[in-house]
Structures are given as C-alpha cells and as structure tokens.
Amino acid sequence: MAANPYDIIVVGLGAMGSATLYQASQRGARALGIDRYDPPHTLGSSHGDTRVTRLAIGEGEMYMPFIQRANQIWAELEAKSGRTLFHQSGGLIIAPERGAAKFHAEGDFVRLSASIAEKYSIKYEILTAEQIAQRFPLLKPRDCDHGYYEPESGVLRPERCIQTQLELALASGAVIRNCEAVLDYRADANGVTVWTGKDSYRADKLILCAGAWMSELLPATSRDKLRVYRQVIYWYEAQDQTLFDPAVFPYVIWIGDAPEDFWSVFPAPADALPGVKMLSEQYHSSQAVGAISREVTPAEIDDMRQRLASPRLRGITGRSLRAEVCLYTVTRDEHFIIDFHPGSRRVALASPCSGHGFKHSAAIGETLAQMALDGGAEFDVSGFALERA
C-alpha cells in the first residue's frame, strides 16, 4: 500500500496548532495544517496583542514543565526570527487577604502562586496594599488587598507568536490550507482521512486543536465537556501612554470578592495597539460558537470603565479606542484536555484553553507533535485526560 501523503495533519492553527505544526516541521515530518480562517485572526481565542505569561503557575504543579519549556521555546523563536515575542514587564496578582473569589477554579491564588514560586526558586515578593500603591502609583488597591509580584514574568505578543511559527513551519516544508473548515475525519488501520469543505486529505496521524470549534470534532459522547464563553477585550485611551510601558508597568491580575469583580490590565509596548488593554471574565453564560455575538455594546464599554477600571486605575481618559470579542473554551474543572481519541491513537485531541493556555502553547505544540510522531509525550499529560474533563 502506498504511503500516506502526510505524516501529520493539524486542524486549527491558533496558539496550539501553529506551535504543533512548527514543531512537527522541525522534526522533518510531512505536515499539513488546516484552519477555517486565515491565522492569526480575531475570531477565536489567540488574539488581543498581548497575553500574560507567568512563571509560577498557581493552577497546579502539573503545568510547571510546560511553562518552563515554553519559555525556552519563545526565546528560541525570537533568536530564529529576530522578532520580539516577549516583554519582561513583571506581573502582579492582587486579591483581598481574606475571602477572595476563586481564579481558574483555585482559591487564595496569591498564596498558591507564592508556594509554587518557593518550590521552584522563582523570584517573587508579597506586597501590602500600601507597597503596591507606592511602587505602582497608577493602581488603587484597597486596604484589604495584597499582591504577589513576579519581576521576571511579562507579556507575549500572540499574533506575532502564531505568525512566526507558521512562517518557520512553511520554510521547513509544511503545507497550510487556510479558509477550509473541517467537516469530518475518520481513522482506520492505515491512517486518517480528513474532509473539508474544499477537499480531502490523508495522513498517518491527526491532531485536533480547533479551539472554540473543538466540540464539533470530539466524540459524540464527549461534546458536552467543553463550553464556550464570550469574553471582551477593551482598549481605553491613556493620558500618557508611556506610563504603561512594560519597563514601568506590570500586567495586573486583580481578583475581587466575587467572580464578577475579576479584572486585568496590561502593559502597553511601544509598538502595541494604541491605548491601555483590559478585560474581565464571565462564566455564567455559554453559547454555541456560531451563536456568539461579535458586537461589543456601548453598555459593555461603559460597565468596564465605570465598574471595574475607574475604581482601580489612574491614567486613562475613559475614551474607548477598541473592543474585541474573544472566545474561551472551558472544561468543568478549568484544566486542559490533552489526550488521544478514545477510538484511535492515530488521533490526538487538545483543548488546552480555559482562559490560561496561551503561555503554555509553545510547549504543548511540542508535546502534541511527540504524541503524534512518537506515540507518547515527554511530559506527563495524565492529568489532562479527556475522561476527566
């Protein structure tokens, strides 16, 4: 029987898929990537100009091998491409000392982060509200707040990361088919067939990492394991944009008394989109991806400014410059899915999302390439099993 045209097909070329295609191509695999749009784009989960990357992962120690390896890969990609993908701004997690809401299903995230930092010898400080206000005068913490400050963390440039990995994959012989939605796939004893709206393709192995569209590709009995939540990213005009430069302003993750109080604000690199980026998160209303509104309403823009930003931040005029919808694909326990398909080890499934996946994506791509090409992974992924989600 003739060999399949490709060693591996990657479906979805956002954060995880672009990393997987790049890693497979670096190993000499005949790799095909397919995306329903033209990445990088603003229709999924891998955009927004800046993304937080932390060193101590309070969501759990099982993430630590991934973040450590991802940071190495980001540096390697910067060296290969000559592009800046990471800005070391430092990062600050603020929460009330008592009674903080859970963050990514974990309570007391300040102390959890500090505990991980201690174990892995990561530089950090615990700051009082007074110390936060003195060091970062644009912020307005309450007397009951305290913070975990990590000076060596910062922000990634997501679109640039994706574009860089796709370009390097192409240069190494990978093939990309954009603007093709995958309709179906089937594994057999000799390989996998993938059907799109335009063509069909054949490979030895298949990796599915389609983000918000992942439920459509899971086994029928597992499609209820993922929920898609509409989030909004906002940019407001700064009184002085230089005050938000990564050299002087960290990313801030602000955990309040209740889930709806969550708020985050980002540093603004000199070549970033104009304005100060901020966001909140909501997990009370999930929808089918095709039903999600991409329009951001004036009421949403006003609520962000008046309820969340103004009580916590100085230095913005309040004039809205931009707003985008972002899709979070979330499991019940807010941890990832990285596993083989229950029906065939020729197919790997990945939904490393839940609102905290981008920072790990470079290493997850390497892991997925290992699963497809080697039959297993260097890092332990047993905690991300599909049946657990």
Protein backbone atom coordinates (compact mmCIF):
# COMPACT_ATOMS: atom_id res chain seq x y z
CA MET A 1 0.00 0.00 0.00
CA ALA A 2 1.28 3.48 -0.91
CA ALA A 3 2.41 5.74 1.94
CA ASN A 4 0.05 8.47 3.08
CA PRO A 5 0.88 11.91 1.60
CA TYR A 6 1.36 13.43 5.08
CA ASP A 7 2.80 12.20 8.35
CA ILE A 8 0.59 14.53 10.34
CA ILE A 9 -2.39 16.82 9.84
CA VAL A 10 -3.02 19.62 12.35
CA VAL A 11 -6.56 21.04 12.47
CA GLY A 12 -6.71 24.56 13.89
CA LEU A 13 -3.71 26.91 13.58
CA GLY A 14 -4.14 29.22 16.53
CA ALA A 15 -1.88 29.12 19.58
CA MET A 16 -1.71 25.33 19.87
CA GLY A 17 -1.94 24.39 16.22
CA SER A 18 0.69 26.82 14.97
CA ALA A 19 3.07 25.52 17.66
CA THR A 20 2.32 21.90 16.74
CA LEU A 21 2.84 22.49 13.03
CA TYR A 22 6.11 24.27 13.72
CA GLN A 23 7.40 21.52 16.00
CA ALA A 24 6.43 18.75 13.57
CA SER A 25 8.11 20.57 10.69
CA GLN A 26 11.32 20.98 12.68
CA ARG A 27 11.47 17.22 13.04
CA GLY A 28 11.23 16.73 9.28
CA ALA A 29 7.65 15.48 9.30
CA ARG A 30 5.48 15.94 6.22
CA ALA A 31 2.99 18.23 7.93
CA LEU A 32 -0.28 19.80 6.79
CA GLY A 33 -2.09 22.50 8.76
CA ILE A 34 -5.75 23.39 8.18
CA ASP A 35 -7.68 26.37 9.57
CA ARG A 36 -11.21 27.59 8.89
CA TYR A 37 -9.92 31.20 8.77
CA ASP A 38 -6.58 32.84 7.95
CA PRO A 39 -4.49 32.92 11.13
CA PRO A 40 -3.57 34.94 13.01
CA HIS A 41 -7.08 36.38 13.19
CA THR A 42 -9.51 37.87 15.74
CA LEU A 43 -12.29 35.28 15.51
CA GLY A 44 -11.09 32.71 18.04
CA SER A 45 -9.04 32.67 21.23
CA SER A 46 -5.49 33.56 20.22
CA HIS A 47 -5.52 37.31 19.66
CA GLY A 48 -5.52 40.53 21.69
CA ASP A 49 -1.99 41.88 21.01
CA THR A 50 -0.65 40.93 24.48
CA ARG A 51 -1.05 37.82 26.65
CA VAL A 52 0.09 37.24 30.20
CA THR A 53 2.82 34.70 30.87
CA ARG A 54 3.61 33.78 34.46
CA LEU A 55 6.49 31.71 35.86
CA ALA A 56 4.79 30.26 38.95
CA ILE A 57 1.60 28.57 37.79
CA GLY A 58 -0.90 28.68 40.63
CA GLU A 59 -3.32 26.47 38.69
CA GLY A 60 -1.17 23.47 39.65
CA GLU A 61 2.28 21.92 39.51
CA MET A 62 1.32 19.78 36.53
CA TYR A 63 1.68 22.94 34.42
CA MET A 64 5.23 23.75 35.50
CA PRO A 65 7.11 21.57 32.96
CA PHE A 66 5.09 23.22 30.19
CA ILE A 67 5.72 26.82 31.22
CA GLN A 68 9.43 26.17 31.74
CA ARG A 69 9.79 24.59 28.30
CA ALA A 70 7.54 27.19 26.65
CA ASN A 71 9.76 30.00 27.90
CA GLN A 72 12.77 28.28 26.32
CA ILE A 73 10.94 27.91 23.00
CA TRP A 74 9.80 31.55 22.95
CA ALA A 75 13.44 32.59 23.33
CA GLU A 76 14.48 30.18 20.55
CA LEU A 77 11.80 31.61 18.27
CA GLU A 78 12.96 35.15 18.99
CA ALA A 79 16.52 34.17 18.04
CA LYS A 80 15.41 32.48 14.82
CA SER A 81 13.03 35.21 13.68
CA GLY A 82 14.65 38.38 15.01
CA ARG A 83 11.25 39.39 16.42
CA THR A 84 10.36 40.39 19.96
CA LEU A 85 7.76 37.92 21.21
CA PHE A 86 8.10 38.54 24.97
CA HIS A 87 8.28 41.73 27.04
CA GLN A 88 9.51 41.36 30.62
CA SER A 89 7.19 43.72 32.45
CA GLY A 90 6.82 41.86 35.71
CA GLY A 91 3.42 40.72 36.86
CA LEU A 92 1.19 41.49 39.81
CA ILE A 93 -1.67 39.39 41.17
CA ILE A 94 -3.88 41.37 43.57
CA ALA A 95 -6.56 39.87 45.80
CA PRO A 96 -8.15 40.56 49.17
CA GLU A 97 -6.19 38.95 52.00
CA ARG A 98 -9.34 37.13 53.09
CA GLY A 99 -12.37 35.98 51.14
CA ALA A 100 -11.02 36.30 47.60
CA ALA A 101 -13.03 34.77 44.77
CA LYS A 102 -11.63 31.70 43.07
CA PHE A 103 -9.44 32.20 40.00
CA HIS A 104 -9.26 29.37 37.44
CA ALA A 105 -11.06 27.16 39.97
CA GLU A 106 -8.39 27.81 42.62
CA GLY A 107 -8.76 29.78 45.85
CA ASP A 108 -6.18 32.06 47.52
CA PHE A 109 -4.28 32.48 44.29
CA VAL A 110 -1.74 34.88 45.79
CA ARG A 111 -0.54 32.33 48.33
CA LEU A 112 -0.77 29.45 45.83
CA SER A 113 1.49 31.34 43.43
CA ALA A 114 3.94 32.12 46.23
CA SER A 115 4.03 28.47 47.27
CA ILE A 116 4.90 27.36 43.73
CA ALA A 117 7.48 30.14 43.44
CA GLU A 118 9.16 28.98 46.64
CA LYS A 119 9.37 25.39 45.44
CA TYR A 120 10.80 26.33 42.03
CA SER A 121 13.11 29.15 43.22
CA ILE A 122 11.23 31.82 41.28
CA LYS A 123 11.79 35.41 42.33
CA TYR A 124 8.73 36.99 43.93
CA GLU A 125 7.51 39.39 46.58
CA ILE A 126 4.34 39.58 48.65
CA LEU A 127 3.26 43.23 48.76
CA THR A 128 0.84 45.03 51.06
CA ALA A 129 -1.71 47.43 49.65
CA GLU A 130 0.49 50.34 50.70
CA GLN A 131 3.53 48.84 48.95
CA ILE A 132 1.51 48.21 45.77
CA ALA A 133 0.35 51.84 45.69
CA GLN A 134 3.86 53.15 46.31
CA ARG A 135 5.53 51.01 43.67
CA PHE A 136 2.78 51.28 41.05
CA PRO A 137 1.08 54.65 41.60
CA LEU A 138 -1.41 54.13 38.76
CA LEU A 139 -3.06 51.36 40.79
CA LYS A 140 -5.62 51.93 43.57
CA PRO A 141 -5.68 48.88 45.85
CA ARG A 142 -7.99 48.70 48.84
CA ASP A 143 -6.56 48.45 52.35
CA CYS A 144 -7.69 44.80 52.47
CA ASP A 145 -5.76 43.85 49.32
CA HIS A 146 -2.34 42.29 48.99
CA GLY A 147 -0.34 41.15 45.99
CA TYR A 148 2.04 38.58 44.55
CA TYR A 149 4.66 40.31 42.41
CA GLU A 150 6.82 38.32 39.98
CA PRO A 151 9.50 40.55 38.40
CA GLU A 152 10.66 38.17 35.65
CA SER A 153 7.28 37.43 34.07
CA GLY A 154 5.59 39.56 31.41
CA VAL A 155 3.53 39.50 28.26
CA LEU A 156 3.70 37.64 24.96
CA ARG A 157 2.62 39.02 21.59
CA PRO A 158 0.11 36.33 20.47
CA GLU A 159 -0.40 37.24 16.82
CA ARG A 160 3.34 37.59 16.35
CA CYS A 161 3.97 34.23 18.04
CA ILE A 162 1.49 32.48 15.76
CA GLN A 163 2.73 34.19 12.60
CA THR A 164 6.35 33.38 13.42
CA GLN A 165 5.69 29.69 13.99
CA LEU A 166 3.60 29.36 10.83
CA GLU A 167 6.25 31.10 8.72
CA LEU A 168 9.01 28.90 10.14
CA ALA A 169 6.87 25.80 9.54
CA LEU A 170 6.34 26.82 5.91
CA ALA A 171 10.06 27.43 5.49
CA SER A 172 10.68 23.89 6.75
CA GLY A 173 8.31 22.34 4.22
CA ALA A 174 4.93 22.34 5.95
CA VAL A 175 1.79 22.94 3.88
CA ILE A 176 -1.02 25.22 5.09
CA ARG A 177 -4.61 25.27 3.88
CA ASN A 178 -6.42 28.35 5.17
CA CYS A 179 -10.12 29.17 4.91
CA GLU A 180 -11.11 25.49 4.96
CA ALA A 181 -13.46 24.21 7.65
CA VAL A 182 -13.05 20.57 8.60
CA LEU A 183 -16.33 18.71 8.22
CA ASP A 184 -15.35 15.20 9.29
CA TYR A 185 -12.47 12.80 9.86
CA ARG A 186 -12.05 9.06 10.12
CA ALA A 187 -9.22 6.90 11.40
CA ASP A 188 -8.55 3.38 10.13
CA ALA A 189 -5.77 0.81 10.41
CA ASN A 190 -3.58 2.62 7.88
CA GLY A 191 -4.10 6.30 8.64
CA VAL A 192 -6.61 9.12 8.94
CA THR A 193 -8.76 10.87 6.35
CA VAL A 194 -9.89 14.47 6.86
CA TRP A 195 -12.67 16.04 4.83
CA THR A 196 -13.05 19.81 4.50
CA GLY A 197 -15.50 21.93 2.58
CA LYS A 198 -12.98 22.02 -0.29
CA ASP A 199 -11.06 18.73 -0.37
CA SER A 200 -10.00 15.59 1.47
CA TYR A 201 -6.56 14.79 2.91
CA ARG A 202 -4.80 11.67 4.13
CA ALA A 203 -2.14 11.31 6.83
CA ASP A 204 -0.69 8.83 9.28
CA LYS A 205 -1.75 10.90 12.31
CA LEU A 206 -4.17 13.72 13.11
CA ILE A 207 -4.09 16.39 15.81
CA LEU A 208 -7.27 18.29 16.58
CA CYS A 209 -6.77 21.63 18.35
CA ALA A 210 -9.60 23.72 16.96
CA GLY A 211 -10.23 25.95 19.97
CA ALA A 212 -13.82 27.13 20.22
CA TRP A 213 -14.80 24.73 17.42
CA MET A 214 -13.34 21.73 19.24
CA SER A 215 -16.67 20.37 20.49
CA GLU A 216 -17.72 19.71 16.90
CA LEU A 217 -14.72 17.40 16.49
CA LEU A 218 -14.88 15.48 19.78
CA PRO A 219 -16.55 12.07 20.04
CA ALA A 220 -20.31 12.50 20.34
CA THR A 221 -20.26 11.29 23.95
CA SER A 222 -17.72 13.98 24.92
CA ARG A 223 -19.11 17.09 23.27
CA ASP A 224 -20.67 18.37 26.47
CA LYS A 225 -17.25 18.51 28.16
CA LEU A 226 -16.45 21.90 26.61
CA ARG A 227 -18.32 25.18 26.95
CA VAL A 228 -17.57 28.35 25.00
CA TYR A 229 -17.81 31.69 26.82
CA ARG A 230 -17.85 35.09 25.17
CA GLN A 231 -15.28 37.46 26.66
CA VAL A 232 -14.49 41.04 25.68
CA ILE A 233 -11.12 42.81 25.44
CA TYR A 234 -11.14 46.62 25.73
CA TRP A 235 -8.66 49.38 24.95
CA TYR A 236 -9.06 52.84 26.51
CA GLU A 237 -7.10 55.98 25.77
CA ALA A 238 -4.19 56.70 28.11
CA GLN A 239 -3.45 60.16 29.43
CA ASP A 240 0.22 59.30 28.87
CA GLN A 241 0.88 56.02 27.06
CA THR A 242 4.50 55.89 28.24
CA LEU A 243 3.32 55.35 31.83
CA PHE A 244 2.07 51.93 30.74
CA ASP A 245 5.31 50.85 29.07
CA PRO A 246 6.46 47.34 30.14
CA ALA A 247 9.58 48.90 31.66
CA VAL A 248 7.47 50.61 34.34
CA PHE A 249 4.03 48.95 34.40
CA PRO A 250 3.34 45.24 35.01
CA TYR A 251 0.45 43.13 33.91
CA VAL A 252 -2.13 43.09 36.70
CA ILE A 253 -4.47 40.21 37.51
CA TRP A 254 -6.98 41.60 40.01
CA ILE A 255 -9.12 39.04 41.83
CA GLY A 256 -12.00 40.59 43.73
CA ASP A 257 -14.52 39.49 46.32
CA ALA A 258 -16.78 37.79 43.75
CA PRO A 259 -16.15 36.26 40.30
CA GLU A 260 -17.75 39.21 38.53
CA ASP A 261 -15.17 41.54 40.12
CA PHE A 262 -12.28 39.98 38.21
CA TRP A 263 -10.30 42.48 36.13
CA SER A 264 -6.96 42.55 34.37
CA VAL A 265 -4.91 45.36 32.82
CA PHE A 266 -1.85 45.03 30.60
CA PRO A 267 1.35 46.93 29.88
CA ALA A 268 1.49 48.68 26.51
CA PRO A 269 4.65 48.04 24.46
CA ALA A 270 5.67 50.93 22.21
CA ASP A 271 4.58 49.06 19.07
CA ALA A 272 1.33 47.70 20.56
CA LEU A 273 -2.18 48.72 19.61
CA PRO A 274 -2.99 52.25 20.84
CA GLY A 275 -4.48 52.52 24.31
CA VAL A 276 -4.48 50.54 27.53
CA LYS A 277 -5.80 47.00 27.24
CA MET A 278 -8.00 45.50 29.93
CA LEU A 279 -10.51 42.71 30.31
CA SER A 280 -12.81 40.86 32.65
CA GLU A 281 -14.06 37.27 32.52
CA GLN A 282 -17.56 35.83 32.69
CA TYR A 283 -18.53 32.18 33.11
CA HIS A 284 -22.27 32.41 33.69
CA SER A 285 -23.40 32.33 30.04
CA SER A 286 -22.04 29.86 27.48
CA GLN A 287 -23.21 29.58 23.88
CA ALA A 288 -22.69 27.58 20.72
CA VAL A 289 -19.82 29.23 18.89
CA GLY A 290 -21.96 30.11 15.87
CA ALA A 291 -24.47 31.98 18.03
CA ILE A 292 -21.97 34.26 19.78
CA SER A 293 -22.33 37.97 19.04
CA ARG A 294 -19.14 39.67 17.87
CA GLU A 295 -20.54 43.13 18.57
CA VAL A 296 -19.42 44.90 21.73
CA THR A 297 -22.17 47.17 23.02
CA PRO A 298 -21.82 50.69 24.47
CA ALA A 299 -23.25 49.33 27.74
CA GLU A 300 -20.40 46.81 27.97
CA ILE A 301 -17.82 49.50 27.31
CA ASP A 302 -19.34 51.76 29.98
CA ASP A 303 -19.55 48.94 32.53
CA MET A 304 -15.88 48.06 32.11
CA ARG A 305 -14.82 51.67 32.57
CA GLN A 306 -17.15 52.65 35.42
CA ARG A 307 -17.46 49.47 37.48
CA LEU A 308 -14.07 47.80 37.07
CA ALA A 309 -11.44 50.21 35.71
CA SER A 310 -12.15 53.57 37.36
CA PRO A 311 -12.08 52.31 40.97
CA ARG A 312 -8.74 50.57 40.38
CA LEU A 313 -6.72 52.50 37.81
CA ARG A 314 -5.46 56.03 37.22
CA GLY A 315 -4.09 57.32 33.94
CA ILE A 316 -6.86 56.67 31.41
CA THR A 317 -9.21 59.22 29.89
CA GLY A 318 -12.13 56.82 29.66
CA ARG A 319 -12.41 57.17 25.86
CA SER A 320 -12.85 53.78 24.24
CA LEU A 321 -10.45 53.12 21.35
CA ARG A 322 -11.18 49.49 20.50
CA ALA A 323 -13.03 46.39 21.70
CA GLU A 324 -12.87 42.79 20.52
CA VAL A 325 -14.67 39.58 21.41
CA CYS A 326 -12.50 36.63 22.49
CA LEU A 327 -13.74 33.06 22.95
CA TYR A 328 -12.77 30.97 26.00
CA THR A 329 -13.28 27.22 25.68
CA VAL A 330 -13.60 25.83 29.18
CA THR A 331 -13.80 22.43 30.86
CA ARG A 332 -15.76 21.91 34.08
CA ASP A 333 -12.64 21.96 36.25
CA GLU A 334 -10.92 24.65 34.11
CA HIS A 335 -7.96 22.37 33.34
CA PHE A 336 -6.80 21.31 29.88
CA ILE A 337 -7.58 18.35 27.65
CA ILE A 338 -4.51 16.72 26.06
CA ASP A 339 -5.21 13.11 25.16
CA PHE A 340 -5.61 10.53 22.44
CA HIS A 341 -9.01 9.94 20.87
CA PRO A 342 -10.76 7.10 22.74
CA GLY A 343 -11.37 5.37 19.41
CA SER A 344 -7.89 5.62 17.90
CA ARG A 345 -4.38 6.59 18.97
CA ARG A 346 -3.89 7.93 15.47
CA VAL A 347 -5.87 10.98 16.60
CA ALA A 348 -4.79 13.34 19.39
CA LEU A 349 -7.19 15.81 20.99
CA ALA A 350 -6.14 19.10 22.52
CA SER A 351 -8.19 21.77 24.24
CA PRO A 352 -5.53 23.49 26.37
CA CYS A 353 -7.63 26.55 26.84
CA SER A 354 -9.91 27.50 29.74
CA GLY A 355 -8.56 31.06 29.64
CA HIS A 356 -4.98 30.26 30.64
CA GLY A 357 -3.48 28.33 27.75
CA PHE A 358 -1.52 30.70 25.53
CA LYS A 359 1.53 30.96 27.81
CA HIS A 360 1.98 27.17 27.61
CA SER A 361 1.23 26.79 23.91
CA ALA A 362 4.78 26.55 22.56
CA ALA A 363 5.47 23.54 24.81
CA ILE A 364 2.05 22.00 24.24
CA GLY A 365 2.73 22.09 20.50
CA GLU A 366 5.94 20.17 21.09
CA THR A 367 4.06 17.67 23.26
CA LEU A 368 1.36 17.14 20.64
CA ALA A 369 3.97 16.58 17.94
CA GLN A 370 5.59 13.96 20.20
CA MET A 371 2.27 12.24 20.76
CA ALA A 372 1.63 12.01 17.03
CA LEU A 373 5.13 11.15 15.83
CA ASP A 374 6.42 9.11 18.80
CA GLY A 375 3.24 7.67 20.26
CA GLY A 376 3.75 9.39 23.62
CA ALA A 377 4.95 12.57 25.31
CA GLU A 378 7.98 13.58 27.35
CA PHE A 379 5.82 15.38 29.91
CA ASP A 380 3.11 13.73 31.96
CA VAL A 381 -0.29 14.53 30.46
CA SER A 382 -2.33 12.06 32.51
CA GLY A 383 -3.88 14.94 34.46
CA PHE A 384 -5.37 16.27 31.22
CA ALA A 385 -7.28 13.13 30.21
CA LEU A 386 -10.46 13.53 28.20
CA GLU A 387 -12.47 11.26 30.52
CA ARG A 388 -11.63 13.53 33.48
CA ALA A 389 -12.90 16.71 31.89
